[in-house]
Amino acid sequence: MSLFCCFKTLPLPDWAVVLVWIGIYGGMGRAAWWANRDLAQPNRAAPLALLTAGAVQSWLFWVSPSLAAIALTDAAGVVLSAVTFLAFRETLPQASLCLLPWVIWMPLTLAFKLVALAG
């Protein structure tokens, strides 16, 4: 399986997908920084754990053996990004805004892969 085989299912050039993920990881990092900056925040462990799980989930893309497996990983990412966003919104509302690119991108990329699987 080629490293960029799944990118062919997206109606975007490879470099645009890379830029999207740079923005998403930047937002994740900013949200984590915001949570760690406020050490007095009592409920920051759960959002940070979810954010870590989201980062790991997104890295599974690179080791998924097929487009169907990648679509399944993306489906998990849709749920995980939404739950993480809601957890951050409850405890650190300003940090949750950093996660919006991830929340928006996951359903889009899943839809592209489902269309490719159906076609």
N, C-alpha and C. Protein backbone atom coordinates (compact mmCIF):
# COMPACT_ATOMS: atom_id res chain seq x y z
N MET A 1 0.85 -1.18 0.00
CA MET A 1 0.00 0.00 0.00
C MET A 1 0.89 1.24 0.00
N SER A 2 0.67 2.10 -0.93
CA SER A 2 1.43 3.34 -1.02
C SER A 2 1.06 4.27 0.14
N LEU A 3 2.02 5.01 0.60
CA LEU A 3 1.81 5.91 1.72
C LEU A 3 0.71 6.92 1.43
N PHE A 4 0.60 7.36 0.20
CA PHE A 4 -0.39 8.37 -0.14
C PHE A 4 -1.56 7.81 -0.96
N CYS A 5 -1.78 6.50 -0.92
CA CYS A 5 -2.84 5.90 -1.74
C CYS A 5 -4.21 6.46 -1.38
N CYS A 6 -4.43 6.72 -0.13
CA CYS A 6 -5.74 7.20 0.30
C CYS A 6 -5.97 8.63 -0.15
N PHE A 7 -4.90 9.40 -0.34
CA PHE A 7 -5.06 10.78 -0.78
C PHE A 7 -5.74 10.83 -2.14
N LYS A 8 -5.60 9.79 -2.94
CA LYS A 8 -6.22 9.77 -4.27
C LYS A 8 -7.74 9.75 -4.19
N THR A 9 -8.29 9.41 -3.02
CA THR A 9 -9.74 9.41 -2.86
C THR A 9 -10.28 10.80 -2.55
N LEU A 10 -9.40 11.73 -2.27
CA LEU A 10 -9.82 13.07 -1.90
C LEU A 10 -9.80 14.00 -3.11
N PRO A 11 -10.77 14.88 -3.21
CA PRO A 11 -10.78 15.82 -4.34
C PRO A 11 -9.88 17.03 -4.11
N LEU A 12 -8.75 16.77 -3.47
CA LEU A 12 -7.78 17.82 -3.17
C LEU A 12 -6.40 17.31 -3.54
N PRO A 13 -5.49 18.22 -3.89
CA PRO A 13 -4.12 17.78 -4.12
C PRO A 13 -3.48 17.34 -2.80
N ASP A 14 -2.48 16.46 -2.89
CA ASP A 14 -1.81 15.95 -1.69
C ASP A 14 -1.32 17.06 -0.77
N TRP A 15 -0.74 18.11 -1.36
CA TRP A 15 -0.18 19.18 -0.53
C TRP A 15 -1.27 19.88 0.28
N ALA A 16 -2.50 19.96 -0.25
CA ALA A 16 -3.59 20.60 0.48
C ALA A 16 -3.99 19.77 1.69
N VAL A 17 -4.00 18.45 1.52
CA VAL A 17 -4.33 17.56 2.64
C VAL A 17 -3.27 17.68 3.72
N VAL A 18 -2.02 17.75 3.31
CA VAL A 18 -0.93 17.92 4.28
C VAL A 18 -1.11 19.23 5.03
N LEU A 19 -1.45 20.30 4.33
CA LEU A 19 -1.67 21.59 5.00
C LEU A 19 -2.86 21.54 5.97
N VAL A 20 -3.91 20.83 5.57
CA VAL A 20 -5.06 20.68 6.47
C VAL A 20 -4.61 20.02 7.77
N TRP A 21 -3.84 18.94 7.65
CA TRP A 21 -3.40 18.23 8.85
C TRP A 21 -2.38 19.03 9.66
N ILE A 22 -1.58 19.84 9.02
CA ILE A 22 -0.69 20.73 9.78
C ILE A 22 -1.54 21.67 10.63
N GLY A 23 -2.62 22.19 10.04
CA GLY A 23 -3.52 23.06 10.80
C GLY A 23 -4.22 22.32 11.93
N ILE A 24 -4.65 21.09 11.66
CA ILE A 24 -5.34 20.30 12.68
C ILE A 24 -4.38 19.99 13.83
N TYR A 25 -3.19 19.51 13.53
CA TYR A 25 -2.23 19.20 14.59
C TYR A 25 -1.79 20.46 15.33
N GLY A 26 -1.70 21.56 14.61
CA GLY A 26 -1.40 22.83 15.28
C GLY A 26 -2.50 23.21 16.26
N GLY A 27 -3.75 23.03 15.86
CA GLY A 27 -4.87 23.30 16.75
C GLY A 27 -4.89 22.37 17.95
N MET A 28 -4.58 21.10 17.71
CA MET A 28 -4.52 20.15 18.82
C MET A 28 -3.42 20.56 19.81
N GLY A 29 -2.29 20.93 19.27
CA GLY A 29 -1.18 21.36 20.13
C GLY A 29 -1.52 22.62 20.91
N ARG A 30 -2.17 23.54 20.26
CA ARG A 30 -2.58 24.78 20.93
C ARG A 30 -3.59 24.49 22.04
N ALA A 31 -4.55 23.60 21.78
CA ALA A 31 -5.53 23.23 22.80
C ALA A 31 -4.85 22.55 23.98
N ALA A 32 -3.90 21.66 23.70
CA ALA A 32 -3.17 20.98 24.78
C ALA A 32 -2.35 21.99 25.58
N TRP A 33 -1.71 22.92 24.87
CA TRP A 33 -0.93 23.95 25.56
C TRP A 33 -1.84 24.77 26.48
N TRP A 34 -3.00 25.13 25.97
CA TRP A 34 -3.94 25.92 26.76
C TRP A 34 -4.37 25.17 28.01
N ALA A 35 -4.63 23.88 27.87
CA ALA A 35 -5.05 23.07 29.01
C ALA A 35 -3.91 22.93 30.02
N ASN A 36 -2.70 22.74 29.55
CA ASN A 36 -1.57 22.58 30.46
C ASN A 36 -1.12 23.89 31.07
N ARG A 37 -1.42 24.98 30.43
CA ARG A 37 -1.05 26.30 30.93
C ARG A 37 -1.82 26.63 32.20
N ASP A 38 -3.04 26.20 32.26
CA ASP A 38 -3.91 26.51 33.40
C ASP A 38 -3.91 25.32 34.36
N LEU A 39 -2.87 25.22 35.16
CA LEU A 39 -2.71 24.08 36.07
C LEU A 39 -3.78 24.06 37.15
N ALA A 40 -4.41 25.19 37.39
CA ALA A 40 -5.46 25.25 38.41
C ALA A 40 -6.79 24.68 37.89
N GLN A 41 -6.88 24.47 36.59
CA GLN A 41 -8.11 23.92 36.00
C GLN A 41 -8.30 22.49 36.50
N PRO A 42 -9.36 22.24 37.26
CA PRO A 42 -9.50 20.93 37.91
C PRO A 42 -9.88 19.78 36.97
N ASN A 43 -10.55 20.04 35.89
CA ASN A 43 -11.08 18.97 35.04
C ASN A 43 -10.39 18.90 33.69
N ARG A 44 -9.10 19.03 33.66
CA ARG A 44 -8.41 19.04 32.37
C ARG A 44 -7.88 17.68 31.96
N ALA A 45 -7.90 16.69 32.85
CA ALA A 45 -7.35 15.37 32.53
C ALA A 45 -8.16 14.66 31.44
N ALA A 46 -9.47 14.68 31.54
CA ALA A 46 -10.29 13.99 30.54
C ALA A 46 -10.15 14.60 29.15
N PRO A 47 -10.24 15.93 29.00
CA PRO A 47 -10.04 16.49 27.66
C PRO A 47 -8.66 16.18 27.09
N LEU A 48 -7.63 16.23 27.93
CA LEU A 48 -6.29 15.94 27.44
C LEU A 48 -6.14 14.46 27.06
N ALA A 49 -6.77 13.58 27.81
CA ALA A 49 -6.73 12.15 27.46
C ALA A 49 -7.44 11.91 26.13
N LEU A 50 -8.58 12.55 25.94
CA LEU A 50 -9.31 12.43 24.67
C LEU A 50 -8.49 12.99 23.52
N LEU A 51 -7.83 14.11 23.76
CA LEU A 51 -7.00 14.72 22.72
C LEU A 51 -5.84 13.81 22.34
N THR A 52 -5.24 13.18 23.32
CA THR A 52 -4.16 12.23 23.06
C THR A 52 -4.68 11.04 22.26
N ALA A 53 -5.84 10.53 22.64
CA ALA A 53 -6.45 9.43 21.88
C ALA A 53 -6.74 9.86 20.44
N GLY A 54 -7.17 11.10 20.26
CA GLY A 54 -7.43 11.61 18.92
C GLY A 54 -6.18 11.70 18.07
N ALA A 55 -5.09 12.11 18.68
CA ALA A 55 -3.82 12.17 17.94
C ALA A 55 -3.39 10.77 17.53
N VAL A 56 -3.48 9.82 18.44
CA VAL A 56 -3.12 8.43 18.12
C VAL A 56 -4.04 7.89 17.03
N GLN A 57 -5.33 8.15 17.15
CA GLN A 57 -6.29 7.68 16.15
C GLN A 57 -5.94 8.22 14.77
N SER A 58 -5.57 9.48 14.70
CA SER A 58 -5.26 10.07 13.40
C SER A 58 -3.97 9.49 12.81
N TRP A 59 -3.06 9.07 13.64
CA TRP A 59 -1.82 8.45 13.14
C TRP A 59 -2.06 7.05 12.61
N LEU A 60 -3.17 6.41 13.01
CA LEU A 60 -3.48 5.07 12.51
C LEU A 60 -3.72 5.06 11.00
N PHE A 61 -4.03 6.21 10.45
CA PHE A 61 -4.19 6.35 9.01
C PHE A 61 -2.99 5.77 8.27
N TRP A 62 -1.81 6.01 8.79
CA TRP A 62 -0.58 5.64 8.09
C TRP A 62 -0.31 4.14 8.12
N VAL A 63 -0.96 3.42 9.04
CA VAL A 63 -0.71 1.98 9.12
C VAL A 63 -1.94 1.16 8.73
N SER A 64 -3.01 1.82 8.34
CA SER A 64 -4.22 1.09 7.94
C SER A 64 -3.96 0.36 6.63
N PRO A 65 -4.36 -0.91 6.55
CA PRO A 65 -4.01 -1.73 5.39
C PRO A 65 -4.86 -1.51 4.15
N SER A 66 -6.02 -0.84 4.28
CA SER A 66 -6.90 -0.70 3.12
C SER A 66 -7.74 0.55 3.26
N LEU A 67 -8.39 0.91 2.18
CA LEU A 67 -9.27 2.07 2.20
C LEU A 67 -10.44 1.85 3.16
N ALA A 68 -10.94 0.63 3.23
CA ALA A 68 -12.04 0.34 4.16
C ALA A 68 -11.58 0.52 5.60
N ALA A 69 -10.38 0.09 5.91
CA ALA A 69 -9.84 0.26 7.27
C ALA A 69 -9.63 1.74 7.58
N ILE A 70 -9.19 2.49 6.59
CA ILE A 70 -9.01 3.93 6.78
C ILE A 70 -10.36 4.60 7.01
N ALA A 71 -11.37 4.19 6.26
CA ALA A 71 -12.71 4.75 6.46
C ALA A 71 -13.23 4.44 7.86
N LEU A 72 -12.98 3.24 8.34
CA LEU A 72 -13.37 2.88 9.71
C LEU A 72 -12.63 3.73 10.73
N THR A 73 -11.35 3.94 10.49
CA THR A 73 -10.55 4.80 11.36
C THR A 73 -11.10 6.22 11.34
N ASP A 74 -11.48 6.69 10.16
CA ASP A 74 -12.05 8.04 10.05
C ASP A 74 -13.40 8.13 10.77
N ALA A 75 -14.19 7.08 10.72
CA ALA A 75 -15.48 7.08 11.43
C ALA A 75 -15.24 7.22 12.93
N ALA A 76 -14.24 6.51 13.43
CA ALA A 76 -13.88 6.67 14.85
C ALA A 76 -13.39 8.09 15.11
N GLY A 77 -12.70 8.67 14.14
CA GLY A 77 -12.21 10.04 14.28
C GLY A 77 -13.32 11.07 14.33
N VAL A 78 -14.40 10.81 13.60
CA VAL A 78 -15.55 11.71 13.64
C VAL A 78 -16.09 11.77 15.06
N VAL A 79 -16.29 10.61 15.65
CA VAL A 79 -16.83 10.53 17.01
C VAL A 79 -15.84 11.12 18.01
N LEU A 80 -14.59 10.73 17.89
CA LEU A 80 -13.58 11.18 18.85
C LEU A 80 -13.36 12.69 18.78
N SER A 81 -13.35 13.25 17.58
CA SER A 81 -13.15 14.70 17.47
C SER A 81 -14.32 15.45 18.10
N ALA A 82 -15.54 14.96 17.88
CA ALA A 82 -16.72 15.63 18.46
C ALA A 82 -16.73 15.52 19.97
N VAL A 83 -16.43 14.35 20.49
CA VAL A 83 -16.42 14.16 21.95
C VAL A 83 -15.31 15.00 22.59
N THR A 84 -14.15 15.05 21.95
CA THR A 84 -13.05 15.86 22.47
C THR A 84 -13.42 17.33 22.45
N PHE A 85 -14.02 17.79 21.36
CA PHE A 85 -14.45 19.18 21.28
C PHE A 85 -15.42 19.51 22.41
N LEU A 86 -16.40 18.64 22.66
CA LEU A 86 -17.37 18.88 23.72
C LEU A 86 -16.73 18.87 25.09
N ALA A 87 -15.77 17.98 25.31
CA ALA A 87 -15.07 17.94 26.60
C ALA A 87 -14.27 19.22 26.82
N PHE A 88 -13.61 19.71 25.78
CA PHE A 88 -12.87 20.97 25.91
C PHE A 88 -13.83 22.14 26.09
N ARG A 89 -14.96 22.09 25.39
CA ARG A 89 -15.92 23.20 25.50
C ARG A 89 -16.44 23.33 26.93
N GLU A 90 -16.59 22.20 27.61
CA GLU A 90 -17.07 22.22 29.00
C GLU A 90 -16.04 22.80 29.96
N THR A 91 -14.77 22.47 29.76
CA THR A 91 -13.74 22.87 30.71
C THR A 91 -12.91 24.06 30.26
N LEU A 92 -12.60 24.13 28.99
CA LEU A 92 -11.76 25.20 28.44
C LEU A 92 -12.36 25.69 27.13
N PRO A 93 -13.42 26.50 27.21
CA PRO A 93 -14.13 26.89 25.98
C PRO A 93 -13.24 27.54 24.93
N GLN A 94 -12.30 28.38 25.34
CA GLN A 94 -11.43 29.04 24.37
C GLN A 94 -10.53 28.03 23.65
N ALA A 95 -10.11 26.98 24.34
CA ALA A 95 -9.27 25.95 23.72
C ALA A 95 -10.07 25.09 22.74
N SER A 96 -11.36 24.95 23.01
CA SER A 96 -12.18 24.12 22.12
C SER A 96 -12.22 24.69 20.70
N LEU A 97 -12.11 25.99 20.58
CA LEU A 97 -12.12 26.61 19.24
C LEU A 97 -10.93 26.15 18.39
N CYS A 98 -9.84 25.82 19.04
CA CYS A 98 -8.66 25.33 18.31
C CYS A 98 -8.91 23.98 17.67
N LEU A 99 -9.92 23.27 18.14
CA LEU A 99 -10.22 21.94 17.63
C LEU A 99 -11.23 21.94 16.49
N LEU A 100 -11.77 23.09 16.16
CA LEU A 100 -12.78 23.15 15.09
C LEU A 100 -12.29 22.63 13.74
N PRO A 101 -11.05 22.91 13.33
CA PRO A 101 -10.62 22.34 12.05
C PRO A 101 -10.69 20.81 12.03
N TRP A 102 -10.34 20.18 13.13
CA TRP A 102 -10.40 18.72 13.24
C TRP A 102 -11.84 18.23 13.18
N VAL A 103 -12.72 18.91 13.92
CA VAL A 103 -14.14 18.53 13.95
C VAL A 103 -14.78 18.68 12.57
N ILE A 104 -14.38 19.68 11.84
CA ILE A 104 -14.94 19.91 10.50
C ILE A 104 -14.35 18.93 9.48
N TRP A 105 -13.05 18.67 9.57
CA TRP A 105 -12.39 17.84 8.58
C TRP A 105 -12.79 16.37 8.65
N MET A 106 -12.95 15.83 9.82
CA MET A 106 -13.19 14.39 9.94
C MET A 106 -14.43 13.90 9.18
N PRO A 107 -15.58 14.56 9.29
CA PRO A 107 -16.72 14.09 8.48
C PRO A 107 -16.49 14.25 6.98
N LEU A 108 -15.79 15.30 6.60
CA LEU A 108 -15.50 15.51 5.18
C LEU A 108 -14.64 14.39 4.62
N THR A 109 -13.56 14.09 5.30
CA THR A 109 -12.65 13.06 4.80
C THR A 109 -13.32 11.69 4.83
N LEU A 110 -14.15 11.43 5.84
CA LEU A 110 -14.90 10.17 5.87
C LEU A 110 -15.84 10.08 4.68
N ALA A 111 -16.53 11.16 4.36
CA ALA A 111 -17.46 11.16 3.23
C ALA A 111 -16.72 10.89 1.92
N PHE A 112 -15.55 11.48 1.74
CA PHE A 112 -14.77 11.25 0.52
C PHE A 112 -14.40 9.77 0.40
N LYS A 113 -14.02 9.17 1.51
CA LYS A 113 -13.61 7.77 1.47
C LYS A 113 -14.81 6.84 1.24
N LEU A 114 -15.94 7.18 1.81
CA LEU A 114 -17.14 6.36 1.59
C LEU A 114 -17.58 6.42 0.13
N VAL A 115 -17.47 7.59 -0.46
CA VAL A 115 -17.80 7.73 -1.89
C VAL A 115 -16.82 6.88 -2.73
N ALA A 116 -15.54 6.92 -2.37
CA ALA A 116 -14.56 6.13 -3.12
C ALA A 116 -14.83 4.63 -2.95
N LEU A 117 -15.23 4.21 -1.76
CA LEU A 117 -15.54 2.80 -1.54
C LEU A 117 -16.79 2.37 -2.31
N ALA A 118 -17.77 3.26 -2.40
CA ALA A 118 -19.01 2.95 -3.10
C ALA A 118 -18.81 2.91 -4.61
N GLY A 119 -17.84 3.70 -5.09
CA GLY A 119 -17.64 3.81 -6.54
C GLY A 119 -16.75 2.78 -7.04
